[in-house]
Amino acid sequence: MSSIKMKAKAEGDKVEVKALITHPMETGLRKDKTTGELVPAHYIQEVVVTSGDKILVTAYWGASVSKNPFMGFTYKGVVGDKLKITWKDNKAATDSAEADVV
């Protein structure tokens, strides 16, 4: 199951995209309450959104982004566009999801 939930809705030639990513986004500065040791850093570093072969958004994130980040943006597009969002984190994990514009 993907860690990404994405919706894309068109109104005329404007498409509104909303995405929620399930990820711990640990800074590396928080202490574990049980052991008192630092929780290792684990955060998304790059998010890329594409439509076909065209890159719509490239975002470079860091440890300061909150747990389970939300991303929203609009672009000029049409119903039927196929969007893909992909993220990569500092531990070399990655995930992606696709959605059709409705």
N, C-alpha and C. Protein backbone atom coordinates (compact mmCIF):
# COMPACT_ATOMS: atom_id res chain seq x y z
N MET A 1 0.85 -1.19 0.00
CA MET A 1 0.00 0.00 0.00
C MET A 1 0.89 1.24 0.00
N SER A 2 0.53 2.21 -0.77
CA SER A 2 1.32 3.43 -0.90
C SER A 2 1.19 4.33 0.33
N SER A 3 2.24 5.06 0.60
CA SER A 3 2.24 6.02 1.70
C SER A 3 1.65 7.36 1.26
N ILE A 4 1.23 7.45 0.00
CA ILE A 4 0.76 8.71 -0.58
C ILE A 4 -0.72 8.60 -0.93
N LYS A 5 -1.50 9.58 -0.49
CA LYS A 5 -2.88 9.73 -0.92
C LYS A 5 -2.95 11.02 -1.71
N MET A 6 -3.42 10.95 -2.95
CA MET A 6 -3.42 12.13 -3.82
C MET A 6 -4.75 12.25 -4.55
N LYS A 7 -5.21 13.49 -4.68
CA LYS A 7 -6.40 13.81 -5.46
C LYS A 7 -6.06 14.97 -6.38
N ALA A 8 -6.65 14.96 -7.57
CA ALA A 8 -6.45 16.04 -8.53
C ALA A 8 -7.79 16.35 -9.19
N LYS A 9 -8.23 17.59 -9.05
CA LYS A 9 -9.54 17.99 -9.56
C LYS A 9 -9.39 19.20 -10.48
N ALA A 10 -10.03 19.12 -11.65
CA ALA A 10 -9.96 20.21 -12.63
C ALA A 10 -11.20 21.08 -12.57
N GLU A 11 -10.98 22.37 -12.71
CA GLU A 11 -12.05 23.35 -12.92
C GLU A 11 -11.58 24.23 -14.06
N GLY A 12 -12.16 23.99 -15.24
CA GLY A 12 -11.67 24.68 -16.43
C GLY A 12 -10.28 24.16 -16.76
N ASP A 13 -9.31 25.08 -16.94
CA ASP A 13 -7.94 24.64 -17.23
C ASP A 13 -7.05 24.67 -15.99
N LYS A 14 -7.66 24.87 -14.83
CA LYS A 14 -6.92 24.90 -13.55
C LYS A 14 -7.13 23.58 -12.82
N VAL A 15 -6.04 22.94 -12.42
CA VAL A 15 -6.11 21.67 -11.70
C VAL A 15 -5.57 21.89 -10.29
N GLU A 16 -6.35 21.49 -9.30
CA GLU A 16 -5.92 21.57 -7.91
C GLU A 16 -5.49 20.18 -7.45
N VAL A 17 -4.26 20.09 -6.96
CA VAL A 17 -3.69 18.82 -6.52
C VAL A 17 -3.49 18.88 -5.00
N LYS A 18 -3.92 17.81 -4.33
CA LYS A 18 -3.73 17.69 -2.89
C LYS A 18 -3.12 16.32 -2.62
N ALA A 19 -2.06 16.29 -1.79
CA ALA A 19 -1.41 15.01 -1.47
C ALA A 19 -1.05 14.97 0.00
N LEU A 20 -1.27 13.82 0.60
CA LEU A 20 -0.91 13.57 1.99
C LEU A 20 0.05 12.38 2.00
N ILE A 21 1.22 12.58 2.61
CA ILE A 21 2.24 11.54 2.64
C ILE A 21 2.41 11.05 4.09
N THR A 22 2.29 9.76 4.29
CA THR A 22 2.50 9.17 5.61
C THR A 22 4.00 8.90 5.76
N HIS A 23 4.63 9.64 6.67
CA HIS A 23 6.07 9.50 6.89
C HIS A 23 6.41 10.07 8.26
N PRO A 24 7.33 9.44 9.02
CA PRO A 24 7.62 9.92 10.38
C PRO A 24 8.30 11.28 10.44
N MET A 25 9.09 11.64 9.45
CA MET A 25 9.77 12.95 9.40
C MET A 25 10.49 13.27 10.71
N GLU A 26 11.36 12.38 11.13
CA GLU A 26 12.13 12.57 12.37
C GLU A 26 13.32 13.50 12.12
N THR A 27 13.53 14.44 13.02
CA THR A 27 14.60 15.42 12.88
C THR A 27 15.96 14.89 13.29
N GLY A 28 15.99 13.89 14.14
CA GLY A 28 17.24 13.41 14.70
C GLY A 28 17.57 14.10 16.01
N LEU A 29 16.69 15.00 16.46
CA LEU A 29 16.91 15.75 17.69
C LEU A 29 15.99 15.32 18.84
N ARG A 30 14.96 14.52 18.53
CA ARG A 30 14.00 14.10 19.54
C ARG A 30 14.53 12.89 20.30
N LYS A 31 14.31 12.88 21.61
CA LYS A 31 14.74 11.75 22.43
C LYS A 31 13.58 10.77 22.62
N ASP A 32 13.90 9.50 22.58
CA ASP A 32 12.93 8.45 22.87
C ASP A 32 12.61 8.53 24.36
N LYS A 33 11.32 8.60 24.70
CA LYS A 33 10.90 8.75 26.10
C LYS A 33 11.28 7.55 26.96
N THR A 34 11.34 6.39 26.35
CA THR A 34 11.65 5.17 27.12
C THR A 34 13.14 5.02 27.39
N THR A 35 13.96 5.19 26.33
CA THR A 35 15.39 4.94 26.47
C THR A 35 16.21 6.20 26.74
N GLY A 36 15.67 7.36 26.38
CA GLY A 36 16.41 8.61 26.53
C GLY A 36 17.40 8.84 25.40
N GLU A 37 17.48 7.93 24.44
CA GLU A 37 18.40 8.08 23.32
C GLU A 37 17.74 8.85 22.18
N LEU A 38 18.57 9.51 21.37
CA LEU A 38 18.05 10.25 20.22
C LEU A 38 17.45 9.30 19.20
N VAL A 39 16.30 9.70 18.66
CA VAL A 39 15.68 8.96 17.56
C VAL A 39 16.41 9.38 16.29
N PRO A 40 16.92 8.45 15.50
CA PRO A 40 17.70 8.80 14.31
C PRO A 40 16.88 9.63 13.31
N ALA A 41 17.57 10.52 12.62
CA ALA A 41 16.93 11.35 11.60
C ALA A 41 16.35 10.45 10.50
N HIS A 42 15.13 10.77 10.07
CA HIS A 42 14.45 10.03 9.00
C HIS A 42 13.42 10.96 8.40
N TYR A 43 13.76 11.55 7.26
CA TYR A 43 12.88 12.55 6.65
C TYR A 43 12.96 12.51 5.13
N ILE A 44 11.91 13.00 4.50
CA ILE A 44 11.86 13.08 3.04
C ILE A 44 12.76 14.22 2.59
N GLN A 45 13.59 13.92 1.57
CA GLN A 45 14.50 14.93 1.04
C GLN A 45 14.02 15.52 -0.28
N GLU A 46 13.33 14.72 -1.08
CA GLU A 46 12.92 15.21 -2.40
C GLU A 46 11.54 14.67 -2.77
N VAL A 47 10.71 15.54 -3.31
CA VAL A 47 9.39 15.17 -3.81
C VAL A 47 9.31 15.68 -5.25
N VAL A 48 8.92 14.81 -6.18
CA VAL A 48 8.79 15.19 -7.59
C VAL A 48 7.39 14.82 -8.05
N VAL A 49 6.72 15.79 -8.69
CA VAL A 49 5.39 15.56 -9.26
C VAL A 49 5.50 15.73 -10.77
N THR A 50 5.03 14.72 -11.51
CA THR A 50 5.09 14.77 -12.97
C THR A 50 3.71 14.54 -13.58
N SER A 51 3.56 15.04 -14.78
CA SER A 51 2.39 14.78 -15.61
C SER A 51 2.93 14.34 -16.96
N GLY A 52 2.81 13.05 -17.25
CA GLY A 52 3.46 12.51 -18.45
C GLY A 52 4.97 12.63 -18.27
N ASP A 53 5.63 13.25 -19.24
CA ASP A 53 7.09 13.44 -19.16
C ASP A 53 7.46 14.80 -18.59
N LYS A 54 6.46 15.60 -18.22
CA LYS A 54 6.71 16.96 -17.76
C LYS A 54 6.78 17.02 -16.23
N ILE A 55 7.85 17.60 -15.69
CA ILE A 55 7.96 17.80 -14.25
C ILE A 55 7.18 19.05 -13.88
N LEU A 56 6.20 18.90 -12.98
CA LEU A 56 5.39 20.03 -12.53
C LEU A 56 5.99 20.69 -11.29
N VAL A 57 6.46 19.86 -10.35
CA VAL A 57 6.99 20.36 -9.08
C VAL A 57 8.17 19.50 -8.66
N THR A 58 9.23 20.15 -8.20
CA THR A 58 10.31 19.46 -7.50
C THR A 58 10.50 20.22 -6.19
N ALA A 59 10.34 19.51 -5.08
CA ALA A 59 10.46 20.13 -3.76
C ALA A 59 11.58 19.43 -2.99
N TYR A 60 12.44 20.23 -2.38
CA TYR A 60 13.52 19.70 -1.55
C TYR A 60 13.17 20.00 -0.10
N TRP A 61 12.90 18.95 0.67
CA TRP A 61 12.48 19.09 2.04
C TRP A 61 13.62 18.72 2.98
N GLY A 62 13.44 19.05 4.24
CA GLY A 62 14.43 18.72 5.26
C GLY A 62 13.73 18.25 6.52
N ALA A 63 14.50 18.17 7.58
CA ALA A 63 14.00 17.65 8.85
C ALA A 63 12.96 18.55 9.49
N SER A 64 12.84 19.78 9.07
CA SER A 64 11.89 20.70 9.71
C SER A 64 10.45 20.53 9.22
N VAL A 65 10.22 19.70 8.20
CA VAL A 65 8.86 19.46 7.71
C VAL A 65 8.16 18.50 8.67
N SER A 66 6.89 18.78 8.97
CA SER A 66 6.15 18.01 9.98
C SER A 66 5.88 16.57 9.56
N LYS A 67 5.58 15.75 10.56
CA LYS A 67 5.19 14.36 10.36
C LYS A 67 3.96 14.31 9.45
N ASN A 68 3.91 13.31 8.57
CA ASN A 68 2.80 13.12 7.64
C ASN A 68 2.48 14.40 6.87
N PRO A 69 3.44 14.89 6.08
CA PRO A 69 3.27 16.19 5.40
C PRO A 69 2.16 16.21 4.36
N PHE A 70 1.53 17.37 4.25
CA PHE A 70 0.50 17.66 3.25
C PHE A 70 1.12 18.58 2.20
N MET A 71 0.81 18.33 0.95
CA MET A 71 1.31 19.16 -0.15
C MET A 71 0.13 19.52 -1.04
N GLY A 72 -0.01 20.78 -1.38
CA GLY A 72 -1.07 21.22 -2.27
C GLY A 72 -0.56 22.26 -3.24
N PHE A 73 -1.04 22.21 -4.48
CA PHE A 73 -0.66 23.21 -5.49
C PHE A 73 -1.65 23.16 -6.64
N THR A 74 -1.61 24.16 -7.48
CA THR A 74 -2.44 24.19 -8.69
C THR A 74 -1.53 24.33 -9.90
N TYR A 75 -2.01 23.85 -11.03
CA TYR A 75 -1.28 24.02 -12.29
C TYR A 75 -2.29 24.07 -13.43
N LYS A 76 -1.83 24.49 -14.59
CA LYS A 76 -2.67 24.57 -15.77
C LYS A 76 -2.68 23.19 -16.44
N GLY A 77 -3.86 22.55 -16.42
CA GLY A 77 -3.98 21.21 -16.97
C GLY A 77 -5.42 20.91 -17.33
N VAL A 78 -5.71 19.64 -17.63
CA VAL A 78 -7.04 19.25 -18.07
C VAL A 78 -7.45 17.91 -17.45
N VAL A 79 -8.75 17.63 -17.50
CA VAL A 79 -9.27 16.34 -17.07
C VAL A 79 -8.60 15.25 -17.90
N GLY A 80 -8.19 14.18 -17.25
CA GLY A 80 -7.54 13.08 -17.96
C GLY A 80 -6.03 13.07 -17.82
N ASP A 81 -5.44 14.20 -17.38
CA ASP A 81 -4.00 14.19 -17.12
C ASP A 81 -3.70 13.10 -16.09
N LYS A 82 -2.57 12.44 -16.24
CA LYS A 82 -2.14 11.43 -15.28
C LYS A 82 -0.97 12.01 -14.49
N LEU A 83 -1.16 12.14 -13.17
CA LEU A 83 -0.13 12.69 -12.30
C LEU A 83 0.58 11.58 -11.54
N LYS A 84 1.86 11.80 -11.29
CA LYS A 84 2.64 10.86 -10.48
C LYS A 84 3.45 11.67 -9.48
N ILE A 85 3.41 11.25 -8.23
CA ILE A 85 4.20 11.89 -7.18
C ILE A 85 5.16 10.83 -6.62
N THR A 86 6.41 11.21 -6.47
CA THR A 86 7.44 10.31 -5.97
C THR A 86 8.25 11.03 -4.90
N TRP A 87 8.54 10.33 -3.80
CA TRP A 87 9.42 10.92 -2.79
C TRP A 87 10.59 9.99 -2.52
N LYS A 88 11.70 10.61 -2.05
CA LYS A 88 12.89 9.87 -1.62
C LYS A 88 13.31 10.45 -0.28
N ASP A 89 13.73 9.56 0.65
CA ASP A 89 14.14 10.07 1.96
C ASP A 89 15.63 9.86 2.22
N ASN A 90 16.09 10.33 3.37
CA ASN A 90 17.51 10.28 3.71
C ASN A 90 18.01 8.87 4.03
N LYS A 91 17.12 7.89 4.06
CA LYS A 91 17.52 6.50 4.28
C LYS A 91 17.38 5.68 3.00
N ALA A 92 17.31 6.37 1.85
CA ALA A 92 17.21 5.77 0.53
C ALA A 92 15.89 5.06 0.27
N ALA A 93 14.88 5.28 1.10
CA ALA A 93 13.54 4.74 0.85
C ALA A 93 12.85 5.63 -0.17
N THR A 94 11.92 5.08 -0.90
CA THR A 94 11.17 5.84 -1.89
C THR A 94 9.77 5.26 -2.03
N ASP A 95 8.85 6.08 -2.52
CA ASP A 95 7.50 5.62 -2.79
C ASP A 95 6.92 6.53 -3.87
N SER A 96 5.91 6.04 -4.54
CA SER A 96 5.24 6.85 -5.56
C SER A 96 3.78 6.42 -5.66
N ALA A 97 2.98 7.32 -6.21
CA ALA A 97 1.57 7.05 -6.44
C ALA A 97 1.11 7.82 -7.68
N GLU A 98 0.09 7.33 -8.31
CA GLU A 98 -0.46 7.99 -9.50
C GLU A 98 -1.93 8.31 -9.27
N ALA A 99 -2.39 9.36 -9.96
CA ALA A 99 -3.80 9.73 -9.92
C ALA A 99 -4.18 10.38 -11.25
N ASP A 100 -5.41 10.17 -11.65
CA ASP A 100 -5.95 10.83 -12.83
C ASP A 100 -6.67 12.09 -12.42
N VAL A 101 -6.54 13.14 -13.22
CA VAL A 101 -7.27 14.37 -12.98
C VAL A 101 -8.72 14.15 -13.34
N VAL A 102 -9.62 14.47 -12.40
CA VAL A 102 -11.07 14.31 -12.64
C VAL A 102 -11.74 15.66 -12.69
